[in-house]
PDB file of N, CA and C in Angstrom:
ATOM      1  N   MET A   1      14.381   9.036 -15.201  1.00  0.00           N
ATOM      2  CA  MET A   1      14.962   7.099 -15.420  1.00  0.00           C
ATOM      3  C   MET A   1      13.903   6.708 -16.167  1.00  0.00           C
ATOM      4  N   THR A   2      14.726   5.678 -16.840  1.00  0.00           N
ATOM      5  CA  THR A   2      14.451   5.213 -17.890  1.00  0.00           C
ATOM      6  C   THR A   2      14.496   3.173 -17.431  1.00  0.00           C
ATOM      7  N   THR A   3      13.537   2.985 -17.904  1.00  0.00           N
ATOM      8  CA  THR A   3      13.331   1.081 -17.969  1.00  0.00           C
ATOM      9  C   THR A   3      13.332   0.895 -18.985  1.00  0.00           C
ATOM     10  N   GLU A   4      13.802  -0.378 -18.932  1.00  0.00           N
ATOM     11  CA  GLU A   4      13.773  -1.020 -20.290  1.00  0.00           C
ATOM     12  C   GLU A   4      13.142  -2.224 -20.248  1.00  0.00           C
ATOM     13  N   ALA A   5      12.481  -2.572 -21.689  1.00  0.00           N
ATOM     14  CA  ALA A   5      11.565  -3.746 -21.669  1.00  0.00           C
ATOM     15  C   ALA A   5      11.777  -4.645 -22.733  1.00  0.00           C
ATOM     16  N   ALA A   6      11.692  -5.886 -22.377  1.00  0.00           N
ATOM     17  CA  ALA A   6      12.205  -6.881 -23.646  1.00  0.00           C
ATOM     18  C   ALA A   6      11.070  -7.053 -24.558  1.00  0.00           C
ATOM     19  N   THR A   7      11.036  -7.046 -25.147  1.00  0.00           N
ATOM     20  CA  THR A   7       9.543  -7.523 -26.389  1.00  0.00           C
ATOM     21  C   THR A   7      10.086  -8.400 -28.074  1.00  0.00           C
ATOM     22  N   PHE A   8       9.235  -9.274 -28.003  1.00  0.00           N
ATOM     23  CA  PHE A   8       9.724 -10.184 -29.451  1.00  0.00           C
ATOM     24  C   PHE A   8       8.650 -10.110 -30.447  1.00  0.00           C
ATOM     25  N   GLN A   9       7.892  -8.895 -30.327  1.00  0.00           N
ATOM     26  CA  GLN A   9       7.015  -8.429 -31.249  1.00  0.00           C
ATOM     27  C   GLN A   9       7.844  -8.013 -32.502  1.00  0.00           C
ATOM     28  N   ARG A  10       7.003  -8.092 -34.211  1.00  0.00           N
ATOM     29  CA  ARG A  10       7.865  -7.602 -34.859  1.00  0.00           C
ATOM     30  C   ARG A  10       7.977  -6.435 -35.144  1.00  0.00           C
ATOM     31  N   ARG A  11       7.177  -5.870 -35.166  1.00  0.00           N
ATOM     32  CA  ARG A  11       6.906  -3.948 -35.276  1.00  0.00           C
ATOM     33  C   ARG A  11       7.384  -3.360 -34.334  1.00  0.00           C
ATOM     34  N   ILE A  12       8.267  -4.046 -33.249  1.00  0.00           N
ATOM     35  CA  ILE A  12       8.539  -3.383 -32.140  1.00  0.00           C
ATOM     36  C   ILE A  12      10.303  -3.575 -32.298  1.00  0.00           C
ATOM     37  N   ARG A  13      10.358  -4.203 -32.556  1.00  0.00           N
ATOM     38  CA  ARG A  13      12.056  -4.807 -32.461  1.00  0.00           C
ATOM     39  C   ARG A  13      13.018  -3.578 -33.263  1.00  0.00           C
ATOM     40  N   GLY A  14      12.853  -3.224 -33.843  1.00  0.00           N
ATOM     41  CA  GLY A  14      13.731  -2.343 -34.485  1.00  0.00           C
ATOM     42  C   GLY A  14      13.240  -1.077 -33.781  1.00  0.00           C
ATOM     43  N   GLN A  15      12.126  -0.620 -32.898  1.00  0.00           N
ATOM     44  CA  GLN A  15      12.436   0.439 -32.191  1.00  0.00           C
ATOM     45  C   GLN A  15      12.832   0.947 -31.181  1.00  0.00           C
ATOM     46  N   ASP A  16      12.732   1.704 -30.405  1.00  0.00           N
ATOM     47  CA  ASP A  16      13.187   1.866 -29.179  1.00  0.00           C
ATOM     48  C   ASP A  16      11.979   1.343 -28.509  1.00  0.00           C
ATOM     49  N   ALA A  17      12.390   0.746 -27.122  1.00  0.00           N
ATOM     50  CA  ALA A  17      11.767  -0.169 -26.308  1.00  0.00           C
ATOM     51  C   ALA A  17      11.934   0.710 -24.849  1.00  0.00           C
ATOM     52  N   CYS A  18      11.549   1.672 -25.125  1.00  0.00           N
ATOM     53  CA  CYS A  18      12.276   2.262 -23.490  1.00  0.00           C
ATOM     54  C   CYS A  18      11.288   3.201 -22.781  1.00  0.00           C
ATOM     55  N   HIS A  19      10.640   3.476 -21.546  1.00  0.00           N
ATOM     56  CA  HIS A  19       9.746   3.992 -21.126  1.00  0.00           C
ATOM     57  C   HIS A  19      10.251   4.961 -20.112  1.00  0.00           C
ATOM     58  N   LYS A  20      10.159   5.917 -19.973  1.00  0.00           N
ATOM     59  CA  LYS A  20      10.141   6.893 -18.581  1.00  0.00           C
ATOM     60  C   LYS A  20       9.496   6.194 -18.133  1.00  0.00           C
ATOM     61  N   ALA A  21      10.333   6.310 -16.517  1.00  0.00           N
ATOM     62  CA  ALA A  21       9.517   5.577 -15.354  1.00  0.00           C
ATOM     63  C   ALA A  21       8.595   6.546 -14.682  1.00  0.00           C
ATOM     64  N   PHE A  22       8.793   8.049 -14.618  1.00  0.00           N
ATOM     65  CA  PHE A  22       8.434   9.159 -14.010  1.00  0.00           C
ATOM     66  C   PHE A  22       8.540   9.781 -15.280  1.00  0.00           C
ATOM     67  N   PRO A  23       7.026  10.139 -16.261  1.00  0.00           N
ATOM     68  CA  PRO A  23       7.103  11.017 -17.183  1.00  0.00           C
ATOM     69  C   PRO A  23       7.458  12.361 -16.683  1.00  0.00           C
ATOM     70  N   GLN A  24       6.781  13.126 -15.091  1.00  0.00           N
ATOM     71  CA  GLN A  24       7.211  14.484 -15.193  1.00  0.00           C
ATOM     72  C   GLN A  24       8.567  14.300 -14.582  1.00  0.00           C
ATOM     73  N   PRO A  25       9.332  15.542 -14.165  1.00  0.00           N
ATOM     74  CA  PRO A  25      10.080  15.175 -13.120  1.00  0.00           C
ATOM     75  C   PRO A  25       9.988  15.710 -11.871  1.00  0.00           C
ATOM     76  N   ASN A  26       8.415  16.566 -11.904  1.00  0.00           N
ATOM     77  CA  ASN A  26       8.296  17.476 -10.887  1.00  0.00           C
ATOM     78  C   ASN A  26       7.136  16.511  -9.966  1.00  0.00           C
ATOM     79  N   CYS A  27       6.930  15.255 -10.229  1.00  0.00           N
ATOM     80  CA  CYS A  27       5.712  14.172 -10.151  1.00  0.00           C
ATOM     81  C   CYS A  27       6.405  13.919  -8.219  1.00  0.00           C
ATOM     82  N   LEU A  28       7.231  13.424  -7.696  1.00  0.00           N
ATOM     83  CA  LEU A  28       7.421  13.164  -6.787  1.00  0.00           C
ATOM     84  C   LEU A  28       7.573  14.737  -5.804  1.00  0.00           C
ATOM     85  N   ARG A  29       8.011  15.890  -6.442  1.00  0.00           N
ATOM     86  CA  ARG A  29       7.721  16.805  -5.842  1.00  0.00           C
ATOM     87  C   ARG A  29       6.508  17.423  -5.670  1.00  0.00           C
ATOM     88  N   ARG A  30       5.437  16.808  -6.520  1.00  0.00           N
ATOM     89  CA  ARG A  30       3.990  17.706  -6.242  1.00  0.00           C
ATOM     90  C   ARG A  30       3.306  16.339  -5.459  1.00  0.00           C
ATOM     91  N   PHE A  31       3.756  15.262  -5.331  1.00  0.00           N
ATOM     92  CA  PHE A  31       3.583  14.544  -4.341  1.00  0.00           C
ATOM     93  C   PHE A  31       4.019  14.619  -2.943  1.00  0.00           C
ATOM     94  N   HIS A  32       5.239  14.878  -2.781  1.00  0.00           N
ATOM     95  CA  HIS A  32       5.720  15.683  -1.552  1.00  0.00           C
ATOM     96  C   HIS A  32       4.541  16.737  -0.843  1.00  0.00           C
ATOM     97  N   TYR A  33       4.566  17.696  -2.070  1.00  0.00           N
ATOM     98  CA  TYR A  33       3.632  18.907  -1.761  1.00  0.00           C
ATOM     99  C   TYR A  33       2.261  18.536  -1.223  1.00  0.00           C
ATOM    100  N   PHE A  34       1.914  17.880  -1.884  1.00  0.00           N
ATOM    101  CA  PHE A  34       0.586  17.778  -1.313  1.00  0.00           C
ATOM    102  C   PHE A  34       0.462  16.852  -0.175  1.00  0.00           C
ATOM    103  N   VAL A  35       1.458  15.568   0.250  1.00  0.00           N
ATOM    104  CA  VAL A  35       1.069  15.346   1.480  1.00  0.00           C
ATOM    105  C   VAL A  35       1.063  16.457   2.762  1.00  0.00           C
ATOM    106  N   GLY A  36       2.026  17.382   2.286  1.00  0.00           N
ATOM    107  CA  GLY A  36       2.734  18.016   3.497  1.00  0.00           C
ATOM    108  C   GLY A  36       1.831  19.386   3.551  1.00  0.00           C
ATOM    109  N   LYS A  37       0.899  19.514   2.566  1.00  0.00           N
ATOM    110  CA  LYS A  37      -0.202  20.499   2.569  1.00  0.00           C
ATOM    111  C   LYS A  37      -1.617  20.274   2.846  1.00  0.00           C
ATOM    112  N   SER A  38      -1.684  18.977   2.487  1.00  0.00           N
ATOM    113  CA  SER A  38      -3.049  18.572   2.758  1.00  0.00           C
ATOM    114  C   SER A  38      -3.523  18.202   4.481  1.00  0.00           C
ATOM    115  N   ASP A  39      -4.625  17.776   5.036  1.00  0.00           N
ATOM    116  CA  ASP A  39      -5.111  17.935   6.019  1.00  0.00           C
ATOM    117  C   ASP A  39      -5.067  16.405   5.998  1.00  0.00           C
ATOM    118  N   TRP A  40      -4.840  15.557   5.980  1.00  0.00           N
ATOM    119  CA  TRP A  40      -5.133  13.834   5.817  1.00  0.00           C
ATOM    120  C   TRP A  40      -5.271  13.556   7.059  1.00  0.00           C
ATOM    121  N   ASP A  41      -3.890  14.276   8.208  1.00  0.00           N
ATOM    122  CA  ASP A  41      -3.722  13.368   9.450  1.00  0.00           C
ATOM    123  C   ASP A  41      -4.654  13.911  10.504  1.00  0.00           C
ATOM    124  N   LYS A  42      -5.398  14.966  10.082  1.00  0.00           N
ATOM    125  CA  LYS A  42      -6.101  15.735  10.857  1.00  0.00           C
ATOM    126  C   LYS A  42      -7.518  15.306  10.842  1.00  0.00           C
ATOM    127  N   VAL A  43      -7.850  14.745   9.652  1.00  0.00           N
ATOM    128  CA  VAL A  43      -9.463  13.938   9.107  1.00  0.00           C
ATOM    129  C   VAL A  43      -9.253  12.000  10.013  1.00  0.00           C
ATOM    130  N   ILE A  44      -7.930  11.816  10.191  1.00  0.00           N
ATOM    131  CA  ILE A  44      -7.281  10.320  10.635  1.00  0.00           C
ATOM    132  C   ILE A  44      -7.750  10.611  11.909  1.00  0.00           C
ATOM    133  N   LEU A  45      -7.215  12.054  12.443  1.00  0.00           N
ATOM    134  CA  LEU A  45      -7.106  12.003  14.134  1.00  0.00           C
ATOM    135  C   LEU A  45      -8.728  12.226  14.366  1.00  0.00           C
ATOM    136  N   ALA A  46      -9.297  12.729  13.743  1.00  0.00           N
ATOM    137  CA  ALA A  46     -10.829  13.384  14.048  1.00  0.00           C
ATOM    138  C   ALA A  46     -11.338  11.141  14.327  1.00  0.00           C
ATOM    139  N   GLN A  47     -11.231  10.837  13.347  1.00  0.00           N
ATOM    140  CA  GLN A  47     -11.842   9.434  13.448  1.00  0.00           C
ATOM    141  C   GLN A  47     -11.037   8.401  14.452  1.00  0.00           C
ATOM    142  N   GLY A  48     -10.181   9.203  15.775  1.00  0.00           N
ATOM    143  CA  GLY A  48      -9.499   8.410  16.830  1.00  0.00           C
ATOM    144  C   GLY A  48     -10.397   7.406  17.288  1.00  0.00           C
ATOM    145  N   GLU A  49     -11.642   7.891  17.576  1.00  0.00           N
ATOM    146  CA  GLU A  49     -12.806   6.783  18.777  1.00  0.00           C
ATOM    147  C   GLU A  49     -13.260   5.518  17.621  1.00  0.00           C
ATOM    148  N   TRP A  50     -13.112   5.510  16.296  1.00  0.00           N
ATOM    149  CA  TRP A  50     -14.092   4.735  15.994  1.00  0.00           C
ATOM    150  C   TRP A  50     -12.698   3.833  15.416  1.00  0.00           C
ATOM    151  N   ILE A  51     -11.413   3.932  15.079  1.00  0.00           N
ATOM    152  CA  ILE A  51     -10.640   3.490  14.399  1.00  0.00           C
ATOM    153  C   ILE A  51     -10.323   2.659  15.750  1.00  0.00           C
ATOM    154  N   ASN A  52     -10.027   3.235  17.156  1.00  0.00           N
ATOM    155  CA  ASN A  52      -9.813   2.341  18.058  1.00  0.00           C
ATOM    156  C   ASN A  52     -10.984   0.900  18.243  1.00  0.00           C
ATOM    157  N   TRP A  53     -12.152   1.847  17.768  1.00  0.00           N
ATOM    158  CA  TRP A  53     -13.303  -0.081  18.566  1.00  0.00           C
ATOM    159  C   TRP A  53     -12.901  -0.444  17.454  1.00  0.00           C
ATOM    160  N   MET A  54     -12.332  -0.292  16.424  1.00  0.00           N
ATOM    161  CA  MET A  54     -12.654  -1.291  15.053  1.00  0.00           C
ATOM    162  C   MET A  54     -11.000  -2.308  15.672  1.00  0.00           C
ATOM    163  N   CYS A  55     -10.407  -1.534  16.405  1.00  0.00           N
ATOM    164  CA  CYS A  55      -9.172  -2.444  16.110  1.00  0.00           C
ATOM    165  C   CYS A  55      -9.406  -3.441  17.691  1.00  0.00           C
ATOM    166  N   ILE A  56     -10.201  -2.768  18.591  1.00  0.00           N
ATOM    167  CA  ILE A  56     -10.559  -3.692  19.453  1.00  0.00           C
ATOM    168  C   ILE A  56     -11.394  -4.443  19.277  1.00  0.00           C
ATOM    169  N   GLY A  57     -11.947  -4.674  17.607  1.00  0.00           N
ATOM    170  CA  GLY A  57     -12.667  -5.558  17.528  1.00  0.00           C
ATOM    171  C   GLY A  57     -12.330  -6.400  16.507  1.00  0.00           C
ATOM    172  N   VAL A  58     -10.677  -6.270  15.556  1.00  0.00           N
ATOM    173  CA  VAL A  58     -10.230  -7.046  15.130  1.00  0.00           C
ATOM    174  C   VAL A  58      -9.081  -7.869  16.366  1.00  0.00           C
ATOM    175  N   THR A  59      -9.179  -7.307  17.080  1.00  0.00           N
ATOM    176  CA  THR A  59      -8.453  -8.302  18.175  1.00  0.00           C
ATOM    177  C   THR A  59      -9.213  -9.080  18.886  1.00  0.00           C
ATOM    178  N   ILE A  60     -10.226  -8.988  19.102  1.00  0.00           N
ATOM    179  CA  ILE A  60     -11.259  -9.960  19.593  1.00  0.00           C
ATOM    180  C   ILE A  60     -11.635 -11.141  18.797  1.00  0.00           C
ATOM    181  N   ILE A  61     -11.855 -10.829  17.393  1.00  0.00           N
ATOM    182  CA  ILE A  61     -12.283 -11.585  16.343  1.00  0.00           C
ATOM    183  C   ILE A  61     -10.739 -12.633  16.162  1.00  0.00           C
ATOM    184  N   ALA A  62      -9.656 -12.313  16.029  1.00  0.00           N
ATOM    185  CA  ALA A  62      -8.672 -12.541  15.913  1.00  0.00           C
ATOM    186  C   ALA A  62      -8.343 -13.795  17.141  1.00  0.00           C
ATOM    187  N   ALA A  63      -8.476 -13.055  18.514  1.00  0.00           N
ATOM    188  CA  ALA A  63      -8.308 -14.133  19.442  1.00  0.00           C
ATOM    189  C   ALA A  63      -9.143 -14.722  19.344  1.00  0.00           C
ATOM    190  N   LEU A  64     -10.569 -15.354  19.613  1.00  0.00           N
ATOM    191  CA  LEU A  64     -11.470 -16.178  18.833  1.00  0.00           C
ATOM    192  C   LEU A  64     -11.392 -17.332  18.089  1.00  0.00           C
ATOM    193  N   TYR A  65     -10.677 -16.476  16.497  1.00  0.00           N
ATOM    194  CA  TYR A  65     -10.199 -17.465  15.774  1.00  0.00           C
ATOM    195  C   TYR A  65      -9.128 -18.399  16.097  1.00  0.00           C
ATOM    196  N   PHE A  66      -7.744 -17.822  16.917  1.00  0.00           N
ATOM    197  CA  PHE A  66      -6.501 -18.540  17.015  1.00  0.00           C
ATOM    198  C   PHE A  66      -6.585 -19.150  18.543  1.00  0.00           C
ATOM    199  N   ILE A  67      -7.605 -18.861  19.781  1.00  0.00           N
ATOM    200  CA  ILE A  67      -7.665 -19.316  20.688  1.00  0.00           C
ATOM    201  C   ILE A  67      -7.614 -21.202  20.824  1.00  0.00           C
ATOM    202  N   PRO A  68      -9.037 -21.521  19.894  1.00  0.00           N
ATOM    203  CA  PRO A  68      -9.117 -22.703  19.881  1.00  0.00           C
ATOM    204  C   PRO A  68      -8.019 -24.140  19.372  1.00  0.00           C
ATOM    205  N   PRO A  69      -7.352 -23.603  18.183  1.00  0.00           N
ATOM    206  CA  PRO A  69      -6.112 -24.235  17.925  1.00  0.00           C
ATOM    207  C   PRO A  69      -4.929 -24.504  18.536  1.00  0.00           C
ATOM    208  N   VAL A  70      -4.973 -23.499  19.334  1.00  0.00           N
ATOM    209  CA  VAL A  70      -3.800 -23.279  20.577  1.00  0.00           C
ATOM    210  C   VAL A  70      -4.151 -23.987  21.830  1.00  0.00           C
ATOM    211  N   LEU A  71      -5.357 -23.455  21.752  1.00  0.00           N
ATOM    212  CA  LEU A  71      -5.231 -24.367  23.322  1.00  0.00           C
ATOM    213  C   LEU A  71      -5.471 -26.635  23.356  1.00  0.00           C
ATOM    214  N   THR A  72      -5.607 -26.704  21.339  1.00  0.00           N
ATOM    215  CA  THR A  72      -5.735 -28.003  21.228  1.00  0.00           C
ATOM    216  C   THR A  72      -4.365 -28.348  21.455  1.00  0.00           C
ATOM    217  N   ILE A  73      -3.611 -27.526  21.002  1.00  0.00           N
ATOM    218  CA  ILE A  73      -1.594 -27.789  20.605  1.00  0.00           C
ATOM    219  C   ILE A  73      -1.357 -28.297  21.852  1.00  0.00           C
ATOM    220  N   LEU A  74      -2.006 -27.246  22.965  1.00  0.00           N
ATOM    221  CA  LEU A  74      -0.776 -27.433  24.065  1.00  0.00           C
ATOM    222  C   LEU A  74      -1.233 -28.742  25.079  1.00  0.00           C
ATOM    223  N   PHE A  75      -3.018 -28.882  24.612  1.00  0.00           N
ATOM    224  CA  PHE A  75      -3.024 -29.939  25.572  1.00  0.00           C
ATOM    225  C   PHE A  75      -3.214 -31.182  24.849  1.00  0.00           C
ATOM    226  N   LEU A  76      -2.354 -31.625  23.779  1.00  0.00           N
ATOM    227  CA  LEU A  76      -2.557 -32.724  23.140  1.00  0.00           C
ATOM    228  C   LEU A  76      -1.590 -33.616  23.476  1.00  0.00           C
TER     229      LEU A  76
END
């Protein structure tokens, strides 16, 4: 895949201004292999309890932030 770039510099005007978007043809294949063979999903599942508490904390903070304006809008 080639991406064209527009430039107005004199030294590049006469040259080819194309740049390959994927320099290596196998980069997507290597990324797919890395995701498939690594154990990143097991690491996330091992941290499940901590992630649950973090989500509960974010929900409580969001509720404390949004409740006063909502009550003000409803009762004015």
